Amino acid sequence: MSVPLTLLGLLEREPSHGYDLKRDYDTYFGRGRPLPFGQVYATLGRLARDGKVVIDEVAPGDGPERKRYVITEGGATEVDTWLTEPVPAEPHLQTVLFSKVVLALMLDRPAAEYLDAQRAAHLQRMRELTEIRRSGDLVDAILADHGLFHLEADLRWIDMTSARLGALAAEVRS
């Protein structure tokens, strides 16, 4: 997730204060990982430094001054470019799970047990996502579906790799 570009997109929608940006980010994009206030303001500072946002007005607040940020033309162009460029296709050919399996085999450790533990962790997460999909709103359901489909693909890989551990062990130990 690109926090700077997401904040720029929220600012293109409407000028906002940092607090409002954090609230909207957490509502739509921060599911389970809220954005720290410090990161919001540090990011806004860099965006202002780079000419992508400007401070429109400053008002006194209960604590620090409340600054309202507005996206610049350069910031809007960057959001448009980001939105129209396809995301690089995944998966990457070298994943952490793959590396762990190969190293376990090289070190004569129980790779099958590691795969079983990973399968159990995936199944637990799938149960959690299924509950989110069932009880959440449409945004939650769509995000849960995305996660579930990725986990299903991982489970297929775990099953195929488990079936070929002997051959893989022979190859990586030679």
N, C-alpha and C. Protein backbone atom coordinates (compact mmCIF):
# COMPACT_ATOMS: atom_id res chain seq x y z
N MET A 1 0.85 -1.18 0.00
CA MET A 1 0.00 0.00 0.00
C MET A 1 0.89 1.23 0.00
N SER A 2 0.63 2.14 -0.90
CA SER A 2 1.38 3.38 -0.95
C SER A 2 0.64 4.44 -0.14
N VAL A 3 1.13 4.70 1.05
CA VAL A 3 0.48 5.67 1.92
C VAL A 3 0.49 7.07 1.29
N PRO A 4 1.63 7.56 0.76
CA PRO A 4 1.60 8.91 0.19
C PRO A 4 0.58 9.04 -0.95
N LEU A 5 0.54 8.08 -1.84
CA LEU A 5 -0.40 8.18 -2.96
C LEU A 5 -1.84 8.03 -2.50
N THR A 6 -2.07 7.21 -1.50
CA THR A 6 -3.43 7.07 -0.98
C THR A 6 -3.87 8.37 -0.32
N LEU A 7 -2.99 9.00 0.46
CA LEU A 7 -3.35 10.29 1.06
C LEU A 7 -3.58 11.35 -0.01
N LEU A 8 -2.77 11.33 -1.06
CA LEU A 8 -2.99 12.27 -2.16
C LEU A 8 -4.36 12.03 -2.80
N GLY A 9 -4.72 10.77 -2.99
CA GLY A 9 -6.03 10.47 -3.56
C GLY A 9 -7.16 10.97 -2.67
N LEU A 10 -7.01 10.80 -1.37
CA LEU A 10 -8.03 11.32 -0.45
C LEU A 10 -8.10 12.85 -0.52
N LEU A 11 -6.95 13.50 -0.71
CA LEU A 11 -6.94 14.95 -0.83
C LEU A 11 -7.51 15.42 -2.17
N GLU A 12 -7.38 14.61 -3.20
CA GLU A 12 -7.98 15.00 -4.47
C GLU A 12 -9.50 15.01 -4.35
N ARG A 13 -10.01 14.12 -3.53
CA ARG A 13 -11.45 14.07 -3.28
C ARG A 13 -11.92 15.36 -2.63
N GLU A 14 -11.17 15.81 -1.59
CA GLU A 14 -11.50 17.06 -0.92
C GLU A 14 -10.34 17.48 -0.03
N PRO A 15 -10.10 18.80 0.12
CA PRO A 15 -9.09 19.27 1.05
C PRO A 15 -9.43 18.78 2.46
N SER A 16 -8.40 18.43 3.24
CA SER A 16 -8.66 17.83 4.55
C SER A 16 -7.55 18.17 5.54
N HIS A 17 -7.90 18.02 6.81
CA HIS A 17 -6.93 18.11 7.90
C HIS A 17 -6.30 16.72 8.08
N GLY A 18 -5.14 16.68 8.70
CA GLY A 18 -4.46 15.41 8.93
C GLY A 18 -5.31 14.41 9.69
N TYR A 19 -6.03 14.88 10.69
CA TYR A 19 -6.88 13.99 11.48
C TYR A 19 -7.95 13.32 10.60
N ASP A 20 -8.55 14.12 9.71
CA ASP A 20 -9.58 13.58 8.82
C ASP A 20 -8.99 12.58 7.82
N LEU A 21 -7.78 12.87 7.35
CA LEU A 21 -7.11 11.94 6.43
C LEU A 21 -6.84 10.61 7.12
N LYS A 22 -6.37 10.65 8.36
CA LYS A 22 -6.10 9.43 9.11
C LYS A 22 -7.39 8.63 9.30
N ARG A 23 -8.45 9.31 9.68
CA ARG A 23 -9.74 8.64 9.89
C ARG A 23 -10.20 7.94 8.60
N ASP A 24 -10.14 8.66 7.47
CA ASP A 24 -10.58 8.07 6.21
C ASP A 24 -9.67 6.94 5.76
N TYR A 25 -8.37 7.12 5.95
CA TYR A 25 -7.42 6.06 5.59
C TYR A 25 -7.73 4.80 6.40
N ASP A 26 -7.87 4.96 7.71
CA ASP A 26 -8.14 3.81 8.58
C ASP A 26 -9.48 3.15 8.23
N THR A 27 -10.47 3.94 7.88
CA THR A 27 -11.79 3.41 7.54
C THR A 27 -11.74 2.55 6.28
N TYR A 28 -11.04 3.01 5.26
CA TYR A 28 -11.08 2.32 3.97
C TYR A 28 -9.87 1.46 3.67
N PHE A 29 -8.71 1.82 4.19
CA PHE A 29 -7.49 1.14 3.78
C PHE A 29 -6.70 0.52 4.92
N GLY A 30 -6.99 0.87 6.15
CA GLY A 30 -6.15 0.46 7.27
C GLY A 30 -6.65 -0.76 8.00
N ARG A 31 -7.55 -1.51 7.43
CA ARG A 31 -8.16 -2.67 8.09
C ARG A 31 -7.14 -3.46 8.89
N GLY A 32 -7.24 -3.37 10.20
CA GLY A 32 -6.33 -4.11 11.07
C GLY A 32 -4.96 -3.47 11.22
N ARG A 33 -4.67 -2.45 10.45
CA ARG A 33 -3.37 -1.77 10.52
C ARG A 33 -3.58 -0.27 10.41
N PRO A 34 -4.09 0.35 11.47
CA PRO A 34 -4.33 1.79 11.40
C PRO A 34 -3.03 2.55 11.19
N LEU A 35 -3.17 3.65 10.50
CA LEU A 35 -2.02 4.50 10.20
C LEU A 35 -1.68 5.35 11.43
N PRO A 36 -0.45 5.31 11.91
CA PRO A 36 -0.08 6.14 13.06
C PRO A 36 -0.16 7.64 12.69
N PHE A 37 -0.59 8.46 13.65
CA PHE A 37 -0.66 9.90 13.39
C PHE A 37 0.68 10.45 12.93
N GLY A 38 1.75 9.99 13.56
CA GLY A 38 3.07 10.48 13.18
C GLY A 38 3.39 10.24 11.71
N GLN A 39 2.96 9.09 11.20
CA GLN A 39 3.20 8.79 9.80
C GLN A 39 2.38 9.68 8.89
N VAL A 40 1.15 9.99 9.31
CA VAL A 40 0.30 10.88 8.51
C VAL A 40 0.99 12.23 8.35
N TYR A 41 1.41 12.81 9.48
CA TYR A 41 1.98 14.16 9.42
C TYR A 41 3.37 14.18 8.78
N ALA A 42 4.15 13.13 8.98
CA ALA A 42 5.45 13.06 8.30
C ALA A 42 5.26 12.95 6.80
N THR A 43 4.29 12.15 6.39
CA THR A 43 4.00 11.99 4.96
C THR A 43 3.50 13.31 4.37
N LEU A 44 2.59 13.97 5.08
CA LEU A 44 2.09 15.27 4.59
C LEU A 44 3.23 16.28 4.48
N GLY A 45 4.16 16.24 5.42
CA GLY A 45 5.31 17.14 5.36
C GLY A 45 6.16 16.89 4.12
N ARG A 46 6.39 15.62 3.80
CA ARG A 46 7.18 15.29 2.60
C ARG A 46 6.41 15.68 1.33
N LEU A 47 5.10 15.43 1.33
CA LEU A 47 4.29 15.80 0.16
C LEU A 47 4.31 17.31 -0.05
N ALA A 48 4.27 18.09 1.05
CA ALA A 48 4.34 19.55 0.94
C ALA A 48 5.72 19.97 0.44
N ARG A 49 6.77 19.37 0.99
CA ARG A 49 8.14 19.67 0.57
C ARG A 49 8.32 19.42 -0.92
N ASP A 50 7.69 18.33 -1.41
CA ASP A 50 7.84 17.95 -2.82
C ASP A 50 6.85 18.66 -3.73
N GLY A 51 6.04 19.58 -3.18
CA GLY A 51 5.13 20.37 -4.01
C GLY A 51 3.88 19.63 -4.44
N LYS A 52 3.53 18.56 -3.76
CA LYS A 52 2.34 17.79 -4.16
C LYS A 52 1.10 18.21 -3.39
N VAL A 53 1.30 18.86 -2.23
CA VAL A 53 0.21 19.44 -1.46
C VAL A 53 0.66 20.80 -0.95
N VAL A 54 -0.32 21.62 -0.64
CA VAL A 54 -0.05 22.90 0.01
C VAL A 54 -0.99 23.03 1.20
N ILE A 55 -0.59 23.87 2.12
CA ILE A 55 -1.44 24.15 3.27
C ILE A 55 -2.35 25.30 2.87
N ASP A 56 -3.64 25.05 2.93
CA ASP A 56 -4.63 26.02 2.49
C ASP A 56 -4.97 27.00 3.60
N GLU A 57 -5.17 26.49 4.79
CA GLU A 57 -5.49 27.36 5.92
C GLU A 57 -4.97 26.74 7.20
N VAL A 58 -4.71 27.58 8.15
CA VAL A 58 -4.25 27.13 9.47
C VAL A 58 -5.22 27.72 10.49
N ALA A 59 -5.74 26.85 11.34
CA ALA A 59 -6.68 27.29 12.36
C ALA A 59 -6.19 26.82 13.72
N PRO A 60 -6.46 27.58 14.76
CA PRO A 60 -6.06 27.11 16.09
C PRO A 60 -6.87 25.87 16.47
N GLY A 61 -6.25 24.97 17.21
CA GLY A 61 -6.93 23.77 17.67
C GLY A 61 -6.74 23.63 19.16
N ASP A 62 -7.25 22.54 19.72
CA ASP A 62 -7.08 22.28 21.14
C ASP A 62 -5.61 22.07 21.48
N GLY A 63 -4.88 21.48 20.55
CA GLY A 63 -3.45 21.24 20.72
C GLY A 63 -2.71 22.06 19.68
N PRO A 64 -2.03 21.36 18.77
CA PRO A 64 -1.33 22.07 17.70
C PRO A 64 -2.32 22.71 16.73
N GLU A 65 -1.81 23.62 15.92
CA GLU A 65 -2.65 24.26 14.91
C GLU A 65 -3.19 23.21 13.95
N ARG A 66 -4.40 23.43 13.48
CA ARG A 66 -5.00 22.51 12.50
C ARG A 66 -4.74 23.06 11.10
N LYS A 67 -4.00 22.29 10.32
CA LYS A 67 -3.66 22.69 8.96
C LYS A 67 -4.53 21.91 7.99
N ARG A 68 -5.11 22.63 7.04
CA ARG A 68 -5.90 21.97 6.00
C ARG A 68 -5.04 21.87 4.75
N TYR A 69 -4.93 20.64 4.23
CA TYR A 69 -4.07 20.36 3.09
C TYR A 69 -4.91 20.27 1.82
N VAL A 70 -4.31 20.78 0.73
CA VAL A 70 -4.95 20.76 -0.58
C VAL A 70 -3.95 20.17 -1.57
N ILE A 71 -4.43 19.30 -2.44
CA ILE A 71 -3.55 18.70 -3.44
C ILE A 71 -3.22 19.73 -4.52
N THR A 72 -2.00 19.68 -5.03
CA THR A 72 -1.60 20.56 -6.13
C THR A 72 -1.84 19.85 -7.46
N GLU A 73 -1.65 20.57 -8.54
CA GLU A 73 -1.79 19.96 -9.86
C GLU A 73 -0.78 18.82 -10.05
N GLY A 74 0.45 19.03 -9.56
CA GLY A 74 1.46 17.98 -9.64
C GLY A 74 1.06 16.75 -8.84
N GLY A 75 0.47 16.95 -7.68
CA GLY A 75 -0.01 15.83 -6.87
C GLY A 75 -1.13 15.09 -7.56
N ALA A 76 -2.06 15.84 -8.17
CA ALA A 76 -3.18 15.22 -8.88
C ALA A 76 -2.68 14.43 -10.09
N THR A 77 -1.68 14.93 -10.77
CA THR A 77 -1.10 14.21 -11.90
C THR A 77 -0.47 12.90 -11.43
N GLU A 78 0.21 12.95 -10.29
CA GLU A 78 0.83 11.74 -9.75
C GLU A 78 -0.22 10.69 -9.38
N VAL A 79 -1.32 11.13 -8.78
CA VAL A 79 -2.41 10.20 -8.44
C VAL A 79 -2.97 9.58 -9.71
N ASP A 80 -3.20 10.40 -10.73
CA ASP A 80 -3.75 9.89 -11.99
C ASP A 80 -2.82 8.86 -12.62
N THR A 81 -1.53 9.14 -12.63
CA THR A 81 -0.55 8.20 -13.18
C THR A 81 -0.56 6.89 -12.40
N TRP A 82 -0.57 7.00 -11.08
CA TRP A 82 -0.57 5.81 -10.21
C TRP A 82 -1.82 4.97 -10.44
N LEU A 83 -2.97 5.63 -10.54
CA LEU A 83 -4.22 4.88 -10.72
C LEU A 83 -4.28 4.17 -12.06
N THR A 84 -3.70 4.75 -13.09
CA THR A 84 -3.81 4.16 -14.43
C THR A 84 -2.74 3.12 -14.74
N GLU A 85 -1.66 3.07 -13.95
CA GLU A 85 -0.61 2.07 -14.19
C GLU A 85 -1.00 0.76 -13.53
N PRO A 86 -0.92 -0.36 -14.26
CA PRO A 86 -1.22 -1.65 -13.63
C PRO A 86 -0.25 -1.98 -12.51
N VAL A 87 -0.74 -2.68 -11.52
CA VAL A 87 0.10 -3.16 -10.43
C VAL A 87 0.94 -4.31 -10.99
N PRO A 88 2.23 -4.39 -10.65
CA PRO A 88 3.03 -5.51 -11.14
C PRO A 88 2.39 -6.85 -10.78
N ALA A 89 2.37 -7.75 -11.73
CA ALA A 89 1.77 -9.06 -11.51
C ALA A 89 2.54 -9.82 -10.44
N GLU A 90 1.82 -10.45 -9.57
CA GLU A 90 2.41 -11.31 -8.56
C GLU A 90 2.04 -12.73 -8.92
N PRO A 91 2.56 -13.71 -8.41
CA PRO A 91 3.45 -13.70 -7.26
C PRO A 91 4.91 -13.58 -7.69
N HIS A 92 5.69 -13.23 -6.73
CA HIS A 92 7.13 -13.21 -6.96
C HIS A 92 7.62 -14.65 -6.94
N LEU A 93 8.67 -14.92 -7.66
CA LEU A 93 9.15 -16.29 -7.74
C LEU A 93 9.87 -16.75 -6.47
N GLN A 94 10.27 -15.85 -5.63
CA GLN A 94 10.98 -16.23 -4.40
C GLN A 94 10.20 -15.69 -3.21
N THR A 95 9.50 -16.56 -2.52
CA THR A 95 8.73 -16.13 -1.36
C THR A 95 9.41 -16.60 -0.09
N VAL A 96 9.00 -16.05 1.03
CA VAL A 96 9.55 -16.45 2.32
C VAL A 96 9.24 -17.92 2.58
N LEU A 97 8.02 -18.34 2.29
CA LEU A 97 7.65 -19.73 2.53
C LEU A 97 8.51 -20.69 1.69
N PHE A 98 8.71 -20.36 0.44
CA PHE A 98 9.57 -21.18 -0.42
C PHE A 98 10.98 -21.27 0.17
N SER A 99 11.50 -20.12 0.58
CA SER A 99 12.86 -20.10 1.14
C SER A 99 12.95 -20.96 2.39
N LYS A 100 11.93 -20.91 3.25
CA LYS A 100 11.94 -21.71 4.47
C LYS A 100 11.92 -23.21 4.15
N VAL A 101 11.13 -23.60 3.17
CA VAL A 101 11.05 -25.03 2.80
C VAL A 101 12.39 -25.51 2.27
N VAL A 102 12.97 -24.75 1.36
CA VAL A 102 14.25 -25.17 0.77
C VAL A 102 15.34 -25.22 1.83
N LEU A 103 15.41 -24.21 2.68
CA LEU A 103 16.43 -24.22 3.74
C LEU A 103 16.20 -25.37 4.71
N ALA A 104 14.97 -25.65 5.06
CA ALA A 104 14.69 -26.78 5.95
C ALA A 104 15.20 -28.08 5.34
N LEU A 105 14.96 -28.25 4.05
CA LEU A 105 15.44 -29.46 3.38
C LEU A 105 16.96 -29.50 3.34
N MET A 106 17.59 -28.38 3.05
CA MET A 106 19.05 -28.33 3.00
C MET A 106 19.66 -28.64 4.36
N LEU A 107 18.98 -28.22 5.42
CA LEU A 107 19.49 -28.40 6.77
C LEU A 107 18.98 -29.67 7.43
N ASP A 108 18.31 -30.50 6.64
CA ASP A 108 17.76 -31.76 7.12
C ASP A 108 16.82 -31.55 8.32
N ARG A 109 15.97 -30.54 8.18
CA ARG A 109 14.96 -30.24 9.19
C ARG A 109 13.60 -30.70 8.66
N PRO A 110 12.60 -30.79 9.51
CA PRO A 110 11.30 -31.35 9.11
C PRO A 110 10.45 -30.38 8.28
N ALA A 111 10.76 -30.26 7.00
CA ALA A 111 10.02 -29.34 6.12
C ALA A 111 8.54 -29.67 6.08
N ALA A 112 8.20 -30.94 6.11
CA ALA A 112 6.78 -31.32 6.08
C ALA A 112 6.04 -30.77 7.29
N GLU A 113 6.68 -30.77 8.44
CA GLU A 113 6.05 -30.21 9.64
C GLU A 113 5.86 -28.70 9.51
N TYR A 114 6.84 -28.03 8.90
CA TYR A 114 6.71 -26.59 8.70
C TYR A 114 5.55 -26.30 7.76
N LEU A 115 5.44 -27.09 6.69
CA LEU A 115 4.33 -26.90 5.76
C LEU A 115 2.99 -27.17 6.44
N ASP A 116 2.93 -28.19 7.28
CA ASP A 116 1.69 -28.47 8.01
C ASP A 116 1.32 -27.31 8.95
N ALA A 117 2.32 -26.75 9.62
CA ALA A 117 2.06 -25.61 10.51
C ALA A 117 1.59 -24.40 9.71
N GLN A 118 2.18 -24.21 8.53
CA GLN A 118 1.77 -23.08 7.69
C GLN A 118 0.35 -23.31 7.17
N ARG A 119 0.02 -24.54 6.81
CA ARG A 119 -1.33 -24.86 6.36
C ARG A 119 -2.34 -24.53 7.46
N ALA A 120 -2.02 -24.91 8.70
CA ALA A 120 -2.92 -24.63 9.82
C ALA A 120 -3.09 -23.12 10.03
N ALA A 121 -2.00 -22.37 9.89
CA ALA A 121 -2.08 -20.91 10.04
C ALA A 121 -2.94 -20.30 8.93
N HIS A 122 -2.77 -20.80 7.71
CA HIS A 122 -3.59 -20.31 6.59
C HIS A 122 -5.06 -20.63 6.82
N LEU A 123 -5.36 -21.83 7.26
CA LEU A 123 -6.75 -22.21 7.48
C LEU A 123 -7.38 -21.36 8.59
N GLN A 124 -6.62 -21.06 9.63
CA GLN A 124 -7.13 -20.19 10.70
C GLN A 124 -7.43 -18.80 10.14
N ARG A 125 -6.52 -18.27 9.35
CA ARG A 125 -6.75 -16.94 8.77
C ARG A 125 -7.94 -16.96 7.82
N MET A 126 -8.11 -18.05 7.10
CA MET A 126 -9.27 -18.16 6.21
C MET A 126 -10.57 -18.15 7.00
N ARG A 127 -10.60 -18.80 8.15
CA ARG A 127 -11.79 -18.76 9.01
C ARG A 127 -12.08 -17.33 9.46
N GLU A 128 -11.03 -16.61 9.84
CA GLU A 128 -11.20 -15.22 10.27
C GLU A 128 -11.73 -14.36 9.13
N LEU A 129 -11.16 -14.53 7.93
CA LEU A 129 -11.60 -13.74 6.78
C LEU A 129 -13.02 -14.10 6.36
N THR A 130 -13.39 -15.36 6.50
CA THR A 130 -14.75 -15.78 6.17
C THR A 130 -15.75 -15.10 7.11
N GLU A 131 -15.39 -15.00 8.37
CA GLU A 131 -16.27 -14.30 9.33
C GLU A 131 -16.36 -12.82 9.00
N ILE A 132 -15.25 -12.21 8.63
CA ILE A 132 -15.25 -10.80 8.22
C ILE A 132 -16.14 -10.62 7.00
N ARG A 133 -16.02 -11.51 6.03
CA ARG A 133 -16.83 -11.43 4.82
C ARG A 133 -18.31 -11.56 5.16
N ARG A 134 -18.64 -12.45 6.07
CA ARG A 134 -20.03 -12.70 6.43
C ARG A 134 -20.62 -11.54 7.23
N SER A 135 -19.85 -10.96 8.14
CA SER A 135 -20.41 -9.97 9.06
C SER A 135 -20.09 -8.52 8.70
N GLY A 136 -19.18 -8.31 7.77
CA GLY A 136 -18.76 -6.94 7.46
C GLY A 136 -19.59 -6.30 6.37
N ASP A 137 -19.21 -5.08 6.06
CA ASP A 137 -19.86 -4.37 4.96
C ASP A 137 -19.23 -4.79 3.63
N LEU A 138 -19.63 -4.17 2.56
CA LEU A 138 -19.15 -4.55 1.22
C LEU A 138 -17.63 -4.37 1.09
N VAL A 139 -17.10 -3.29 1.65
CA VAL A 139 -15.64 -3.08 1.59
C VAL A 139 -14.92 -4.22 2.30
N ASP A 140 -15.40 -4.58 3.48
CA ASP A 140 -14.79 -5.69 4.22
C ASP A 140 -14.88 -6.99 3.42
N ALA A 141 -16.04 -7.24 2.81
CA ALA A 141 -16.24 -8.48 2.06
C ALA A 141 -15.29 -8.56 0.88
N ILE A 142 -15.12 -7.48 0.17
CA ILE A 142 -14.23 -7.49 -1.00
C ILE A 142 -12.78 -7.69 -0.57
N LEU A 143 -12.37 -7.02 0.50
CA LEU A 143 -11.01 -7.22 1.00
C LEU A 143 -10.81 -8.65 1.50
N ALA A 144 -11.82 -9.18 2.18
CA ALA A 144 -11.73 -10.56 2.67
C ALA A 144 -11.63 -11.54 1.51
N ASP A 145 -12.40 -11.32 0.45
CA ASP A 145 -12.32 -12.19 -0.73
C ASP A 145 -10.92 -12.18 -1.32
N HIS A 146 -10.32 -11.01 -1.41
CA HIS A 146 -8.96 -10.90 -1.95
C HIS A 146 -8.00 -11.75 -1.13
N GLY A 147 -8.07 -11.62 0.17
CA GLY A 147 -7.21 -12.41 1.04
C GLY A 147 -7.48 -13.90 0.93
N LEU A 148 -8.76 -14.26 0.88
CA LEU A 148 -9.12 -15.68 0.79
C LEU A 148 -8.60 -16.32 -0.49
N PHE A 149 -8.72 -15.61 -1.60
CA PHE A 149 -8.25 -16.18 -2.87
C PHE A 149 -6.73 -16.39 -2.86
N HIS A 150 -6.00 -15.46 -2.25
CA HIS A 150 -4.55 -15.63 -2.14
C HIS A 150 -4.20 -16.80 -1.22
N LEU A 151 -4.92 -16.92 -0.13
CA LEU A 151 -4.66 -18.03 0.78
C LEU A 151 -4.99 -19.37 0.14
N GLU A 152 -6.05 -19.42 -0.66
CA GLU A 152 -6.39 -20.65 -1.37
C GLU A 152 -5.27 -21.06 -2.32
N ALA A 153 -4.70 -20.09 -3.02
CA ALA A 153 -3.58 -20.39 -3.92
C ALA A 153 -2.38 -20.89 -3.12
N ASP A 154 -2.10 -20.27 -1.98
CA ASP A 154 -1.01 -20.72 -1.13
C ASP A 154 -1.24 -22.15 -0.65
N LEU A 155 -2.48 -22.46 -0.28
CA LEU A 155 -2.78 -23.83 0.18
C LEU A 155 -2.56 -24.85 -0.94
N ARG A 156 -2.92 -24.50 -2.15
CA ARG A 156 -2.65 -25.42 -3.28
C ARG A 156 -1.15 -25.63 -3.43
N TRP A 157 -0.38 -24.54 -3.30
CA TRP A 157 1.08 -24.66 -3.41
C TRP A 157 1.62 -25.52 -2.28
N ILE A 158 1.14 -25.32 -1.06
CA ILE A 158 1.59 -26.12 0.08
C ILE A 158 1.31 -27.60 -0.18
N ASP A 159 0.12 -27.93 -0.68
CA ASP A 159 -0.22 -29.32 -0.96
C ASP A 159 0.67 -29.91 -2.05
N MET A 160 0.90 -29.17 -3.12
CA MET A 160 1.76 -29.68 -4.20
C MET A 160 3.20 -29.84 -3.74
N THR A 161 3.68 -28.89 -2.96
CA THR A 161 5.05 -28.97 -2.47
C THR A 161 5.21 -30.12 -1.50
N SER A 162 4.22 -30.33 -0.64
CA SER A 162 4.26 -31.47 0.29
C SER A 162 4.37 -32.78 -0.46
N ALA A 163 3.64 -32.89 -1.56
CA ALA A 163 3.66 -34.12 -2.35
C ALA A 163 5.00 -34.33 -3.04
N ARG A 164 5.77 -33.26 -3.24
CA ARG A 164 7.04 -33.37 -3.96
C ARG A 164 8.26 -33.11 -3.07
N LEU A 165 8.09 -33.19 -1.77
CA LEU A 165 9.21 -32.89 -0.86
C LEU A 165 10.40 -33.83 -1.07
N GLY A 166 10.13 -35.08 -1.29
CA GLY A 166 11.22 -36.03 -1.49
C GLY A 166 12.08 -35.65 -2.68
N ALA A 167 11.45 -35.37 -3.80
CA ALA A 167 12.19 -34.98 -5.01
C ALA A 167 12.89 -33.65 -4.81
N LEU A 168 12.24 -32.70 -4.16
CA LEU A 168 12.86 -31.40 -3.91
C LEU A 168 14.06 -31.55 -2.99
N ALA A 169 13.93 -32.38 -1.96
CA ALA A 169 15.04 -32.62 -1.03
C ALA A 169 16.25 -33.18 -1.78
N ALA A 170 16.00 -34.13 -2.66
CA ALA A 170 17.11 -34.72 -3.42
C ALA A 170 17.79 -33.66 -4.30
N GLU A 171 17.00 -32.76 -4.85
CA GLU A 171 17.57 -31.75 -5.74
C GLU A 171 18.37 -30.71 -4.97
N VAL A 172 17.86 -30.25 -3.84
CA VAL A 172 18.56 -29.17 -3.12
C VAL A 172 19.72 -29.66 -2.27
N ARG A 173 19.76 -30.98 -2.00
CA ARG A 173 20.86 -31.53 -1.21
C ARG A 173 22.02 -31.99 -2.09
N SER A 174 21.82 -32.00 -3.39
CA SER A 174 22.88 -32.50 -4.27
C SER A 174 23.92 -31.46 -4.60
